[in-house]
C-alpha atoms as a PDB file:
ATOM      1  CA  MET A   1      35.724 106.102 120.873  1.00  0.00           C
ATOM      2  CA  ASP A   2      36.246 104.542 123.945  1.00  0.00           C
ATOM      3  CA  SER A   3      35.004 106.871 126.770  1.00  0.00           C
ATOM      4  CA  HIS A   4      34.377 110.569 126.925  1.00  0.00           C
ATOM      5  CA  ALA A   5      33.230 112.823 129.854  1.00  0.00           C
ATOM      6  CA  ASP A   6      30.245 115.077 130.236  1.00  0.00           C
ATOM      7  CA  LYS A   7      30.823 117.828 132.557  1.00  0.00           C
ATOM      8  CA  ALA A   8      27.018 118.605 132.951  1.00  0.00           C
ATOM      9  CA  GLY A   9      25.068 117.939 135.594  1.00  0.00           C
ATOM     10  CA  ALA A  10      27.257 118.554 138.418  1.00  0.00           C
ATOM     11  CA  ALA A  11      24.969 118.344 140.904  1.00  0.00           C
ATOM     12  CA  PRO A  12      25.707 116.605 144.239  1.00  0.00           C
ATOM     13  CA  LYS A  13      23.671 113.456 144.825  1.00  0.00           C
ATOM     14  CA  ARG A  14      22.117 112.634 148.094  1.00  0.00           C
ATOM     15  CA  GLN A  15      22.384 109.209 148.156  1.00  0.00           C
ATOM     16  CA  ALA A  16      23.030 105.964 146.460  1.00  0.00           C
ATOM     17  CA  VAL A  17      21.731 102.392 145.847  1.00  0.00           C
ATOM     18  CA  ILE A  18      24.022  99.777 144.459  1.00  0.00           C
ATOM     19  CA  TYR A  19      22.456  96.444 143.410  1.00  0.00           C
ATOM     20  CA  TYR A  20      24.623  93.452 142.945  1.00  0.00           C
ATOM     21  CA  LEU A  21      24.231  89.644 142.049  1.00  0.00           C
ATOM     22  CA  THR A  22      27.091  87.090 143.281  1.00  0.00           C
ATOM     23  CA  GLY A  23      28.129  84.069 143.544  1.00  0.00           C
ATOM     24  CA  THR A  24      31.583  83.740 144.827  1.00  0.00           C
ATOM     25  CA  GLY A  25      31.899  87.421 146.016  1.00  0.00           C
ATOM     26  CA  ASN A  26      32.992  89.238 143.193  1.00  0.00           C
ATOM     27  CA  SER A  27      30.772  91.548 142.401  1.00  0.00           C
ATOM     28  CA  TYR A  28      29.861  91.844 145.868  1.00  0.00           C
ATOM     29  CA  ARG A  29      33.565  92.931 146.681  1.00  0.00           C
ATOM     30  CA  VAL A  30      33.017  95.755 144.078  1.00  0.00           C
ATOM     31  CA  ALA A  31      29.547  96.851 145.138  1.00  0.00           C
ATOM     32  CA  SER A  32      31.394  97.380 148.212  1.00  0.00           C
ATOM     33  CA  TRP A  33      34.089  99.209 146.928  1.00  0.00           C
ATOM     34  CA  MET A  34      31.709 101.254 145.246  1.00  0.00           C
ATOM     35  CA  GLY A  35      29.651 101.945 148.605  1.00  0.00           C
ATOM     36  CA  ASP A  36      32.684 103.255 150.281  1.00  0.00           C
ATOM     37  CA  ALA A  37      33.877 105.522 147.268  1.00  0.00           C
ATOM     38  CA  CYS A  38      30.240 106.947 147.637  1.00  0.00           C
ATOM     39  CA  ARG A  39      30.692 107.594 151.047  1.00  0.00           C
ATOM     40  CA  ARG A  40      34.010 109.221 150.956  1.00  0.00           C
ATOM     41  CA  HIS A  41      32.411 111.591 148.977  1.00  0.00           C
ATOM     42  CA  GLY A  42      29.653 111.942 151.659  1.00  0.00           C
ATOM     43  CA  VAL A  43      26.959 110.378 149.529  1.00  0.00           C
ATOM     44  CA  PRO A  44      25.097 107.766 151.669  1.00  0.00           C
ATOM     45  CA  ALA A  45      25.011 104.525 150.158  1.00  0.00           C
ATOM     46  CA  ARG A  46      23.554 101.513 150.471  1.00  0.00           C
ATOM     47  CA  VAL A  47      24.884  98.033 148.980  1.00  0.00           C
ATOM     48  CA  ILE A  48      21.921  95.426 148.335  1.00  0.00           C
ATOM     49  CA  ALA A  49      22.140  91.997 146.892  1.00  0.00           C
ATOM     50  CA  ILE A  50      19.218  91.464 143.953  1.00  0.00           C
ATOM     51  CA  PRO A  51      17.758  88.595 146.130  1.00  0.00           C
ATOM     52  CA  HIS A  52      16.865  90.338 148.916  1.00  0.00           C
ATOM     53  CA  ALA A  53      16.310  94.189 147.158  1.00  0.00           C
ATOM     54  CA  THR A  54      12.757  95.802 147.271  1.00  0.00           C
ATOM     55  CA  PRO A  55      13.361  98.760 144.814  1.00  0.00           C
ATOM     56  CA  ALA A  56       9.668  99.939 145.409  1.00  0.00           C
ATOM     57  CA  GLU A  57      10.813 100.734 148.850  1.00  0.00           C
ATOM     58  CA  ASP A  58      15.058 100.820 147.990  1.00  0.00           C
ATOM     59  CA  LEU A  59      14.452 103.953 145.880  1.00  0.00           C
ATOM     60  CA  THR A  60      13.638 107.295 145.751  1.00  0.00           C
ATOM     61  CA  PRO A  61      13.278 108.089 141.855  1.00  0.00           C
ATOM     62  CA  GLY A  62      14.693 111.440 140.855  1.00  0.00           C
ATOM     63  CA  ASP A  63      17.904 113.567 140.649  1.00  0.00           C
ATOM     64  CA  ASN A  64      19.237 113.437 143.675  1.00  0.00           C
ATOM     65  CA  GLN A  65      19.046 109.533 143.891  1.00  0.00           C
ATOM     66  CA  LEU A  66      21.907 107.338 142.105  1.00  0.00           C
ATOM     67  CA  LEU A  67      21.696 103.417 140.780  1.00  0.00           C
ATOM     68  CA  GLY A  68      24.151 101.154 140.497  1.00  0.00           C
ATOM     69  CA  LEU A  69      24.069  97.685 138.929  1.00  0.00           C
ATOM     70  CA  VAL A  70      27.145  95.308 139.660  1.00  0.00           C
ATOM     71  CA  THR A  71      26.188  91.857 137.581  1.00  0.00           C
ATOM     72  CA  PRO A  72      28.637  88.915 136.697  1.00  0.00           C
ATOM     73  CA  THR A  73      28.872  88.132 132.909  1.00  0.00           C
ATOM     74  CA  HIS A  74      27.329  84.363 131.998  1.00  0.00           C
ATOM     75  CA  GLY A  75      27.249  83.483 128.393  1.00  0.00           C
ATOM     76  CA  PHE A  76      29.005  87.094 127.233  1.00  0.00           C
ATOM     77  CA  THR A  77      25.562  88.850 128.401  1.00  0.00           C
ATOM     78  CA  THR A  78      23.424  89.601 131.564  1.00  0.00           C
ATOM     79  CA  PRO A  79      22.558  86.609 133.966  1.00  0.00           C
ATOM     80  CA  TRP A  80      18.568  86.711 133.170  1.00  0.00           C
ATOM     81  CA  LEU A  81      17.867  86.948 136.729  1.00  0.00           C
ATOM     82  CA  VAL A  82      19.664  90.463 136.960  1.00  0.00           C
ATOM     83  CA  LEU A  83      17.979  91.242 133.353  1.00  0.00           C
ATOM     84  CA  ARG A  84      14.457  90.368 134.935  1.00  0.00           C
ATOM     85  CA  PHE A  85      15.465  92.368 137.859  1.00  0.00           C
ATOM     86  CA  ALA A  86      16.238  95.216 135.669  1.00  0.00           C
ATOM     87  CA  LEU A  87      13.095  95.135 133.895  1.00  0.00           C
ATOM     88  CA  GLY A  88      10.835  95.280 137.523  1.00  0.00           C
ATOM     89  CA  LEU A  89      12.302  98.139 138.192  1.00  0.00           C
ATOM     90  CA  PRO A  90      10.472 101.254 138.806  1.00  0.00           C
ATOM     91  CA  HIS A  91      10.422 104.241 136.401  1.00  0.00           C
ATOM     92  CA  GLY A  92      13.552 106.129 136.771  1.00  0.00           C
ATOM     93  CA  ARG A  93      12.278 109.567 136.563  1.00  0.00           C
ATOM     94  CA  GLY A  94      15.841 111.096 135.721  1.00  0.00           C
ATOM     95  CA  THR A  95      17.610 108.695 138.318  1.00  0.00           C
ATOM     96  CA  ARG A  96      21.270 108.593 137.604  1.00  0.00           C
ATOM     97  CA  ALA A  97      22.562 105.431 137.401  1.00  0.00           C
ATOM     98  CA  PHE A  98      25.768 103.054 136.472  1.00  0.00           C
ATOM     99  CA  VAL A  99      25.867  99.397 135.310  1.00  0.00           C
ATOM    100  CA  THR A 100      29.428  97.640 135.846  1.00  0.00           C
ATOM    101  CA  PRO A 101      29.362  93.820 134.387  1.00  0.00           C
ATOM    102  CA  THR A 102      32.664  92.021 135.921  1.00  0.00           C
ATOM    103  CA  ARG A 103      34.299  89.747 133.619  1.00  0.00           C
ATOM    104  CA  ALA A 104      36.843  86.802 133.722  1.00  0.00           C
ATOM    105  CA  GLY A 105      39.871  88.120 134.613  1.00  0.00           C
ATOM    106  CA  ALA A 106      43.295  86.079 134.908  1.00  0.00           C
ATOM    107  CA  LYS A 107      46.886  86.146 135.591  1.00  0.00           C
ATOM    108  CA  PHE A 108      49.504  84.318 134.022  1.00  0.00           C
ATOM    109  CA  GLY A 109      53.026  84.957 135.749  1.00  0.00           C
ATOM    110  CA  PRO A 110      53.346  89.646 135.254  1.00  0.00           C
ATOM    111  CA  LEU A 111      50.736  88.927 132.467  1.00  0.00           C
ATOM    112  CA  PHE A 112      47.272  89.981 133.000  1.00  0.00           C
ATOM    113  CA  THR A 113      44.423  88.922 131.036  1.00  0.00           C
ATOM    114  CA  PRO A 114      40.775  90.514 130.601  1.00  0.00           C
ATOM    115  CA  GLY A 115      37.805  89.195 130.556  1.00  0.00           C
ATOM    116  CA  MET A 116      34.795  90.060 127.825  1.00  0.00           C
ATOM    117  CA  GLU A 117      31.481  91.454 129.112  1.00  0.00           C
ATOM    118  CA  GLY A 118      30.091  90.931 125.296  1.00  0.00           C
ATOM    119  CA  THR A 119      26.600  92.442 125.721  1.00  0.00           C
ATOM    120  CA  ALA A 120      26.175  92.555 129.266  1.00  0.00           C
ATOM    121  CA  ALA A 121      26.753  96.173 130.021  1.00  0.00           C
ATOM    122  CA  TYR A 122      24.575  97.464 127.073  1.00  0.00           C
ATOM    123  CA  LEU A 123      21.769  95.414 127.451  1.00  0.00           C
ATOM    124  CA  LEU A 124      21.506  96.519 131.352  1.00  0.00           C
ATOM    125  CA  THR A 125      21.838 100.193 129.791  1.00  0.00           C
ATOM    126  CA  LEU A 126      19.209 100.391 127.507  1.00  0.00           C
ATOM    127  CA  VAL A 127      16.826  98.498 129.847  1.00  0.00           C
ATOM    128  CA  LEU A 128      17.653 101.373 132.310  1.00  0.00           C
ATOM    129  CA  LEU A 129      17.350 103.869 129.179  1.00  0.00           C
ATOM    130  CA  LEU A 130      13.926 102.614 128.414  1.00  0.00           C
ATOM    131  CA  LYS A 131      12.631 103.036 131.663  1.00  0.00           C
ATOM    132  CA  GLY A 132      13.568 106.722 132.421  1.00  0.00           C
ATOM    133  CA  TYR A 133      17.293 106.721 133.978  1.00  0.00           C
ATOM    134  CA  ASN A 134      20.104 108.911 133.432  1.00  0.00           C
ATOM    135  CA  ILE A 135      23.326 106.766 132.508  1.00  0.00           C
ATOM    136  CA  ARG A 136      26.327 108.305 134.075  1.00  0.00           C
ATOM    137  CA  GLY A 137      28.739 105.448 134.259  1.00  0.00           C
ATOM    138  CA  VAL A 138      29.392 101.825 132.168  1.00  0.00           C
ATOM    139  CA  MET A 139      32.509 100.019 132.900  1.00  0.00           C
ATOM    140  CA  GLY A 140      33.554  96.224 132.488  1.00  0.00           C
ATOM    141  CA  LEU A 141      35.583  95.146 135.119  1.00  0.00           C
ATOM    142  CA  ASP A 142      38.212  92.203 135.459  1.00  0.00           C
ATOM    143  CA  MET A 143      37.854  90.245 138.614  1.00  0.00           C
ATOM    144  CA  PRO A 144      39.393  86.545 139.183  1.00  0.00           C
ATOM    145  CA  ALA A 145      37.704  84.268 137.082  1.00  0.00           C
ATOM    146  CA  ASN A 146      35.704  81.742 138.867  1.00  0.00           C
ATOM    147  CA  TRP A 147      34.284  79.448 136.419  1.00  0.00           C
ATOM    148  CA  ILE A 148      35.434  76.461 138.574  1.00  0.00           C
ATOM    149  CA  VAL A 149      33.474  73.843 136.282  1.00  0.00           C
ATOM    150  CA  VAL A 150      35.799  74.230 133.404  1.00  0.00           C
ATOM    151  CA  HIS A 151      39.186  75.545 135.271  1.00  0.00           C
ATOM    152  CA  PRO A 152      41.130  75.285 138.571  1.00  0.00           C
ATOM    153  CA  GLY A 153      40.330  78.506 140.440  1.00  0.00           C
ATOM    154  CA  LEU A 154      42.939  81.541 140.614  1.00  0.00           C
ATOM    155  CA  SER A 155      45.636  81.418 143.207  1.00  0.00           C
ATOM    156  CA  PRO A 156      45.266  83.716 146.118  1.00  0.00           C
ATOM    157  CA  VAL A 157      48.243  85.827 145.247  1.00  0.00           C
ATOM    158  CA  SER A 158      46.698  86.208 141.431  1.00  0.00           C
ATOM    159  CA  ALA A 159      43.182  87.030 142.943  1.00  0.00           C
ATOM    160  CA  GLU A 160      44.723  89.242 145.178  1.00  0.00           C
ATOM    161  CA  ALA A 161      46.618  91.343 142.288  1.00  0.00           C
ATOM    162  CA  ILE A 162      43.670  91.277 139.753  1.00  0.00           C
ATOM    163  CA  ASN A 163      41.433  92.525 143.020  1.00  0.00           C
ATOM    164  CA  ALA A 164      44.146  95.487 143.571  1.00  0.00           C
ATOM    165  CA  ARG A 165      43.975  96.524 139.916  1.00  0.00           C
ATOM    166  CA  ALA A 166      40.019  96.153 139.786  1.00  0.00           C
ATOM    167  CA  ALA A 167      39.986  98.433 143.197  1.00  0.00           C
ATOM    168  CA  THR A 168      41.831 101.669 141.503  1.00  0.00           C
ATOM    169  CA  ARG A 169      39.446 101.101 138.042  1.00  0.00           C
ATOM    170  CA  VAL A 170      36.349 101.397 140.732  1.00  0.00           C
ATOM    171  CA  ASN A 171      37.840 104.277 142.235  1.00  0.00           C
ATOM    172  CA  PHE A 172      38.351 106.081 139.057  1.00  0.00           C
ATOM    173  CA  LEU A 173      34.693 105.477 137.580  1.00  0.00           C
ATOM    174  CA  MET A 174      32.939 106.368 141.079  1.00  0.00           C
ATOM    175  CA  ASN A 175      35.068 109.635 141.109  1.00  0.00           C
ATOM    176  CA  ARG A 176      34.026 110.573 138.072  1.00  0.00           C
ATOM    177  CA  ILE A 177      30.095 109.747 138.356  1.00  0.00           C
ATOM    178  CA  LEU A 178      30.431 111.709 141.680  1.00  0.00           C
ATOM    179  CA  ALA A 179      31.730 114.970 140.122  1.00  0.00           C
ATOM    180  CA  GLY A 180      29.166 114.930 138.059  1.00  0.00           C
ATOM    181  CA  GLU A 181      30.856 113.502 134.743  1.00  0.00           C
ATOM    182  CA  ARG A 182      29.683 110.765 132.225  1.00  0.00           C
ATOM    183  CA  TYR A 183      32.116 107.756 131.846  1.00  0.00           C
ATOM    184  CA  LEU A 184      31.083 105.098 128.983  1.00  0.00           C
ATOM    185  CA  THR A 185      33.385 102.289 127.941  1.00  0.00           C
ATOM    186  CA  GLY A 186      33.106  99.180 126.437  1.00  0.00           C
ATOM    187  CA  LEU A 187      32.675  99.543 122.799  1.00  0.00           C
ATOM    188  CA  LEU A 188      35.083  97.024 121.530  1.00  0.00           C
ATOM    189  CA  PRO A 189      33.709  94.543 124.183  1.00  0.00           C
ATOM    190  CA  LEU A 190      30.147  95.106 122.933  1.00  0.00           C
ATOM    191  CA  LEU A 191      30.910  95.158 119.103  1.00  0.00           C
ATOM    192  CA  LEU A 192      32.601  91.731 120.030  1.00  0.00           C
ATOM    193  CA  GLY A 193      29.285  90.459 121.873  1.00  0.00           C
ATOM    194  CA  LEU A 194      27.151  91.488 118.876  1.00  0.00           C
ATOM    195  CA  LEU A 195      29.404  89.594 116.683  1.00  0.00           C
ATOM    196  CA  ILE A 196      28.710  86.282 119.210  1.00  0.00           C
ATOM    197  CA  LEU A 197      25.102  87.196 119.689  1.00  0.00           C
ATOM    198  CA  PRO A 198      24.082  83.667 118.997  1.00  0.00           C
ATOM    199  CA  VAL A 199      26.023  82.424 121.609  1.00  0.00           C
ATOM    200  CA  SER A 200      24.710  84.540 124.238  1.00  0.00           C
ATOM    201  CA  VAL A 201      20.993  83.815 123.133  1.00  0.00           C
ATOM    202  CA  GLY A 202      21.819  80.140 122.864  1.00  0.00           C
ATOM    203  CA  TYR A 203      22.890  80.225 126.468  1.00  0.00           C
ATOM    204  CA  MET A 204      19.985  82.202 127.823  1.00  0.00           C
ATOM    205  CA  LEU A 205      17.290  79.986 125.587  1.00  0.00           C
ATOM    206  CA  VAL A 206      19.460  76.334 125.959  1.00  0.00           C
ATOM    207  CA  GLY A 207      22.868  76.499 127.731  1.00  0.00           C
ATOM    208  CA  ARG A 208      21.625  77.846 131.120  1.00  0.00           C
ATOM    209  CA  PHE A 209      19.762  74.988 131.605  1.00  0.00           C
ATOM    210  CA  LEU A 210      22.000  72.239 130.367  1.00  0.00           C
ATOM    211  CA  LEU A 211      24.740  73.731 132.867  1.00  0.00           C
ATOM    212  CA  ALA A 212      22.384  73.571 135.628  1.00  0.00           C
ATOM    213  CA  LYS A 213      22.024  69.821 135.588  1.00  0.00           C
ATOM    214  CA  LEU A 214      25.705  69.345 135.486  1.00  0.00           C
ATOM    215  CA  PHE A 215      25.921  69.782 139.243  1.00  0.00           C
ATOM    216  CA  TYR A 216      25.573  66.754 141.810  1.00  0.00           C
ATOM    217  CA  ALA A 217      27.400  66.141 145.218  1.00  0.00           C
ATOM    218  CA  SER A 218      29.907  63.299 145.645  1.00  0.00           C
ATOM    219  CA  GLU A 219      30.469  61.284 148.627  1.00  0.00           C
ATOM    220  CA  ARG A 220      31.572  63.859 150.298  1.00  0.00           C
ATOM    221  CA  CYS A 221      28.173  65.379 150.937  1.00  0.00           C
ATOM    222  CA  THR A 222      27.208  65.566 154.634  1.00  0.00           C
ATOM    223  CA  GLY A 223      23.380  66.447 153.590  1.00  0.00           C
ATOM    224  CA  CYS A 224      23.943  69.996 155.621  1.00  0.00           C
ATOM    225  CA  GLY A 225      21.653  72.022 153.073  1.00  0.00           C
ATOM    226  CA  SER A 226      24.337  74.843 153.017  1.00  0.00           C
ATOM    227  CA  CYS A 227      23.971  75.139 149.305  1.00  0.00           C
ATOM    228  CA  ALA A 228      20.822  75.318 149.019  1.00  0.00           C
ATOM    229  CA  ARG A 229      20.266  77.876 151.676  1.00  0.00           C
ATOM    230  CA  ALA A 230      22.972  80.143 150.173  1.00  0.00           C
ATOM    231  CA  CYS A 231      21.851  79.439 146.573  1.00  0.00           C
ATOM    232  CA  PRO A 232      20.543  83.208 145.294  1.00  0.00           C
ATOM    233  CA  ALA A 233      18.265  81.828 143.355  1.00  0.00           C
ATOM    234  CA  HIS A 234      16.368  79.534 145.409  1.00  0.00           C
ATOM    235  CA  ALA A 235      17.509  76.586 142.719  1.00  0.00           C
ATOM    236  CA  ILE A 236      18.655  73.858 144.994  1.00  0.00           C
ATOM    237  CA  ARG A 237      16.335  71.976 146.350  1.00  0.00           C
ATOM    238  CA  MET A 238      17.631  68.846 149.161  1.00  0.00           C
ATOM    239  CA  TRP A 239      15.970  65.568 148.391  1.00  0.00           C
ATOM    240  CA  GLY A 240      16.255  62.586 150.351  1.00  0.00           C
ATOM    241  CA  ALA A 241      14.770  61.497 154.077  1.00  0.00           C
ATOM    242  CA  ASN A 242      17.736  59.732 155.294  1.00  0.00           C
ATOM    243  CA  HIS A 243      20.596  61.450 153.241  1.00  0.00           C
ATOM    244  CA  PRO A 244      19.297  64.206 151.948  1.00  0.00           C
ATOM    245  CA  ARG A 245      21.532  65.408 148.902  1.00  0.00           C
ATOM    246  CA  PRO A 246      21.216  68.598 146.474  1.00  0.00           C
ATOM    247  CA  TYR A 247      19.087  68.764 142.898  1.00  0.00           C
ATOM    248  CA  TRP A 248      19.559  71.603 141.076  1.00  0.00           C
ATOM    249  CA  THR A 249      16.583  72.677 139.013  1.00  0.00           C
ATOM    250  CA  PHE A 250      16.483  74.664 135.789  1.00  0.00           C
ATOM    251  CA  SER A 251      16.447  77.928 138.081  1.00  0.00           C
ATOM    252  CA  CYS A 252      20.091  77.704 138.622  1.00  0.00           C
ATOM    253  CA  GLU A 253      22.384  80.744 137.262  1.00  0.00           C
ATOM    254  CA  SER A 254      25.500  78.628 137.621  1.00  0.00           C
ATOM    255  CA  CYS A 255      27.053  81.578 139.795  1.00  0.00           C
ATOM    256  CA  MET A 256      29.295  79.113 141.720  1.00  0.00           C
ATOM    257  CA  ARG A 257      28.432  79.631 145.095  1.00  0.00           C
ATOM    258  CA  CYS A 258      27.369  76.048 145.816  1.00  0.00           C
ATOM    259  CA  MET A 259      30.494  74.735 144.415  1.00  0.00           C
ATOM    260  CA  ASN A 260      32.969  77.252 146.007  1.00  0.00           C
ATOM    261  CA  PHE A 261      31.596  77.162 149.487  1.00  0.00           C
ATOM    262  CA  CYS A 262      30.197  73.974 150.091  1.00  0.00           C
ATOM    263  CA  PRO A 263      32.288  72.965 153.670  1.00  0.00           C
ATOM    264  CA  THR A 264      33.422  69.668 152.515  1.00  0.00           C
ATOM    265  CA  GLN A 265      34.392  70.379 148.428  1.00  0.00           C
ATOM    266  CA  ALA A 266      31.457  67.676 147.797  1.00  0.00           C
ATOM    267  CA  VAL A 267      29.519  69.916 144.781  1.00  0.00           C
ATOM    268  CA  GLN A 268      30.960  68.374 141.740  1.00  0.00           C
ATOM    269  CA  ALA A 269      30.384  69.282 137.647  1.00  0.00           C
ATOM    270  CA  SER A 270      30.267  66.139 135.950  1.00  0.00           C
ATOM    271  CA  TYR A 271      32.072  66.160 132.167  1.00  0.00           C
ATOM    272  CA  PRO A 272      30.270  62.395 131.299  1.00  0.00           C
ATOM    273  CA  LEU A 273      27.257  63.904 131.719  1.00  0.00           C
ATOM    274  CA  ALA A 274      27.751  66.579 130.121  1.00  0.00           C
ATOM    275  CA  ALA A 275      28.849  64.356 127.275  1.00  0.00           C
ATOM    276  CA  ALA A 276      25.695  62.330 127.466  1.00  0.00           C
ATOM    277  CA  LEU A 277      23.748  65.494 127.499  1.00  0.00           C
ATOM    278  CA  TYR A 278      25.214  66.804 124.311  1.00  0.00           C
ATOM    279  CA  PHE A 279      24.582  63.440 122.219  1.00  0.00           C
ATOM    280  CA  ILE A 280      20.978  63.338 124.064  1.00  0.00           C
ATOM    281  CA  THR A 281      19.935  67.037 123.177  1.00  0.00           C
ATOM    282  CA  THR A 282      21.551  67.493 119.343  1.00  0.00           C
ATOM    283  CA  TRP A 283      19.374  64.517 118.453  1.00  0.00           C
ATOM    284  CA  PRO A 284      16.810  66.191 115.911  1.00  0.00           C
ATOM    285  CA  ALA A 285      14.171  64.694 117.762  1.00  0.00           C
ATOM    286  CA  GLY A 286      11.719  67.768 116.505  1.00  0.00           C
ATOM    287  CA  LEU A 287      11.802  67.277 112.896  1.00  0.00           C
ATOM    288  CA  ILE A 288      11.328  63.569 113.420  1.00  0.00           C
ATOM    289  CA  LEU A 289       8.719  64.308 115.690  1.00  0.00           C
ATOM    290  CA  VAL A 290       6.970  66.265 113.415  1.00  0.00           C
ATOM    291  CA  ASN A 291       7.355  64.276 109.777  1.00  0.00           C
ATOM    292  CA  TRP A 292       6.365  61.389 112.362  1.00  0.00           C
ATOM    293  CA  LEU A 293       3.174  62.749 113.346  1.00  0.00           C
ATOM    294  CA  GLY A 294       2.371  64.422 109.706  1.00  0.00           C
ATOM    295  CA  ARG A 295       2.515  60.221 108.332  1.00  0.00           C
ATOM    296  CA  GLN A 296      -0.050  59.237 110.820  1.00  0.00           C
ATOM    297  CA  TRP A 297      -2.512  61.576 110.740  1.00  0.00           C
ATOM    298  CA  PRO A 298      -1.901  63.655 107.263  1.00  0.00           C
ATOM    299  CA  PRO A 299      -3.603  66.806 108.625  1.00  0.00           C
ATOM    300  CA  LEU A 300      -0.854  67.556 110.858  1.00  0.00           C
ATOM    301  CA  ALA A 301       1.262  67.260 108.063  1.00  0.00           C
ATOM    302  CA  ARG A 302       0.684  70.932 107.979  1.00  0.00           C
ATOM    303  CA  LEU A 303       2.754  71.496 111.032  1.00  0.00           C
ATOM    304  CA  GLY A 304       6.099  70.239 109.404  1.00  0.00           C
ATOM    305  CA  ASN A 305       7.504  74.054 109.146  1.00  0.00           C
ATOM    306  CA  PRO A 306      10.563  75.300 110.737  1.00  0.00           C
ATOM    307  CA  VAL A 307       8.808  77.311 113.310  1.00  0.00           C
ATOM    308  CA  THR A 308       7.001  74.224 114.923  1.00  0.00           C
ATOM    309  CA  THR A 309      10.079  71.844 114.231  1.00  0.00           C
ATOM    310  CA  VAL A 310      11.989  74.431 116.644  1.00  0.00           C
ATOM    311  CA  LEU A 311       9.152  74.797 119.416  1.00  0.00           C
ATOM    312  CA  VAL A 312       8.811  71.138 119.384  1.00  0.00           C
ATOM    313  CA  ASN A 313      12.609  70.413 119.520  1.00  0.00           C
ATOM    314  CA  TYR A 314      13.068  72.794 122.093  1.00  0.00           C
ATOM    315  CA  ALA A 315      10.868  71.072 124.281  1.00  0.00           C
ATOM    316  CA  TYR A 316      12.280  68.028 123.698  1.00  0.00           C
ATOM    317  CA  VAL A 317      15.582  69.416 124.644  1.00  0.00           C
ATOM    318  CA  LEU A 318      14.105  70.519 128.015  1.00  0.00           C
ATOM    319  CA  THR A 319      12.241  67.587 128.708  1.00  0.00           C
ATOM    320  CA  ALA A 320      15.096  65.252 127.892  1.00  0.00           C
ATOM    321  CA  THR A 321      17.689  67.522 129.995  1.00  0.00           C
ATOM    322  CA  ALA A 322      15.436  67.206 132.625  1.00  0.00           C
ATOM    323  CA  LEU A 323      14.845  63.190 132.863  1.00  0.00           C
ATOM    324  CA  THR A 324      18.514  62.648 132.270  1.00  0.00           C
ATOM    325  CA  TYR A 325      19.295  64.465 134.974  1.00  0.00           C
ATOM    326  CA  LEU A 326      16.718  63.014 137.247  1.00  0.00           C
ATOM    327  CA  GLY A 327      18.097  59.505 135.926  1.00  0.00           C
ATOM    328  CA  PHE A 328      21.756  60.737 136.875  1.00  0.00           C
ATOM    329  CA  ILE A 329      20.565  61.928 140.267  1.00  0.00           C
ATOM    330  CA  LEU A 330      19.366  58.717 141.123  1.00  0.00           C
ATOM    331  CA  LEU A 331      22.356  56.734 140.100  1.00  0.00           C
ATOM    332  CA  MET A 332      24.655  59.165 142.400  1.00  0.00           C
ATOM    333  CA  ARG A 333      22.673  57.682 145.202  1.00  0.00           C
ATOM    334  CA  LEU A 334      24.610  54.367 144.452  1.00  0.00           C
ATOM    335  CA  PRO A 335      28.258  54.597 146.711  1.00  0.00           C
ATOM    336  CA  LEU A 336      29.709  52.694 144.123  1.00  0.00           C
ATOM    337  CA  VAL A 337      28.702  54.708 140.889  1.00  0.00           C
ATOM    338  CA  ASN A 338      28.993  58.256 142.555  1.00  0.00           C
ATOM    339  CA  ARG A 339      32.848  57.377 143.251  1.00  0.00           C
ATOM    340  CA  LEU A 340      33.009  56.358 140.127  1.00  0.00           C
ATOM    341  CA  PHE A 341      31.700  59.339 138.286  1.00  0.00           C
ATOM    342  CA  THR A 342      33.424  61.503 140.853  1.00  0.00           C
ATOM    343  CA  ALA A 343      36.956  60.105 139.800  1.00  0.00           C
ATOM    344  CA  VAL A 344      36.724  60.654 136.305  1.00  0.00           C
ATOM    345  CA  THR A 345      35.414  64.116 137.042  1.00  0.00           C
ATOM    346  CA  PRO A 346      38.180  66.814 136.963  1.00  0.00           C
ATOM    347  CA  THR A 347      36.022  69.167 138.843  1.00  0.00           C
ATOM    348  CA  ARG A 348      37.259  67.151 141.716  1.00  0.00           C
ATOM    349  CA  TYR A 349      40.713  68.169 141.430  1.00  0.00           C
ATOM    350  CA  PHE A 350      40.325  71.127 140.919  1.00  0.00           C
ATOM    351  CA  ARG A 351      41.000  74.525 143.520  1.00  0.00           C
ATOM    352  CA  ARG A 352      37.794  76.009 144.325  1.00  0.00           C
ATOM    353  CA  TYR A 353      37.794  80.083 144.465  1.00  0.00           C
ATOM    354  CA  ARG A 354      35.961  82.423 146.560  1.00  0.00           C
ATOM    355  CA  GLU A 355      36.697  86.187 146.963  1.00  0.00           C
ATOM    356  CA  PRO A 356      39.722  86.961 148.904  1.00  0.00           C
ATOM    357  CA  GLY A 357      38.335  88.569 152.152  1.00  0.00           C
ATOM    358  CA  THR A 358      34.388  87.509 151.526  1.00  0.00           C
ATOM    359  CA  GLU A 359      32.616  84.911 153.736  1.00  0.00           C
ATOM    360  CA  LEU A 360      29.219  83.352 153.055  1.00  0.00           C
ATOM    361  CA  LYS A 361      27.975  85.112 155.644  1.00  0.00           C
ATOM    362  CA  ASP A 362      28.782  88.343 153.528  1.00  0.00           C
ATOM    363  CA  ILE A 363      26.727  87.595 150.967  1.00  0.00           C
ATOM    364  CA  GLN A 364      24.472  85.122 151.678  1.00  0.00           C
END
């Protein structure tokens, strides 16, 4: 069963708070549509970016409160920043809630292709249920794909067409919820997400850190620092006294804001660096190190179990990634090397994407 409605609990809500995390404006736009829908039904609504949220002050838990969570989908699940936020929400005490993950929709000619949110929706739903929230809606929503690391941005025409369909779906969902009904969808994406759960777990534990270390600034960078100021995860540091350049930390969520809103399109993702990190991090360092230590000092041979090997290898992957990236960033200070790497990096040639109608000031 993909959806069902429950007519119980049709009492009007007195206020709504809709939290969102956005990189290029997709989730912001969806949250804004939801806020507008609430107001059309006479329900005051606040739309708040998660980095600026103070749930203890924003929420008045109880049956008259409606809580919304709008999130991107990363690695077929919920971004860590959003999951951490949900875990920190106050106890719901029956507060009505809904969850909407946005996912990578596309359009090829007349054909619209859906994205896949995997476990993103129901992971957040589970957290909210455990915290005492009354789930009234769950729905994944196709918005224009924006992962410019691997593909060019969609054309404005395609983006507008996808948005028009999404707006209709948002109105449908909010009309049901605000009428006191319950609307739950996404069983098939959830099942697929469970089948590829190792991919999502790998993304959360390793992949997001590796992806964070692919970004660098080309010679177009003016050192303005807009990327660092706008980063919702506060993951970018400006390095250098005379000509500061951005440096991406492990806190990066790959939301694509820096790449798509850079005024000079200087932010790139290095494919050669990705290849180097793959070979460096797939080396079985944990097994080799544990075995070597066991030979040097026999009592340490007891450490040669799978758990210890995995932990040592995990530490190696993160350390090797950080050191490799540091060396890469230092090399990018050399103009000739920077130009060479940029010339062979496809993102240099990709169209950028930002949600039509969204400016940086709207989401910063």
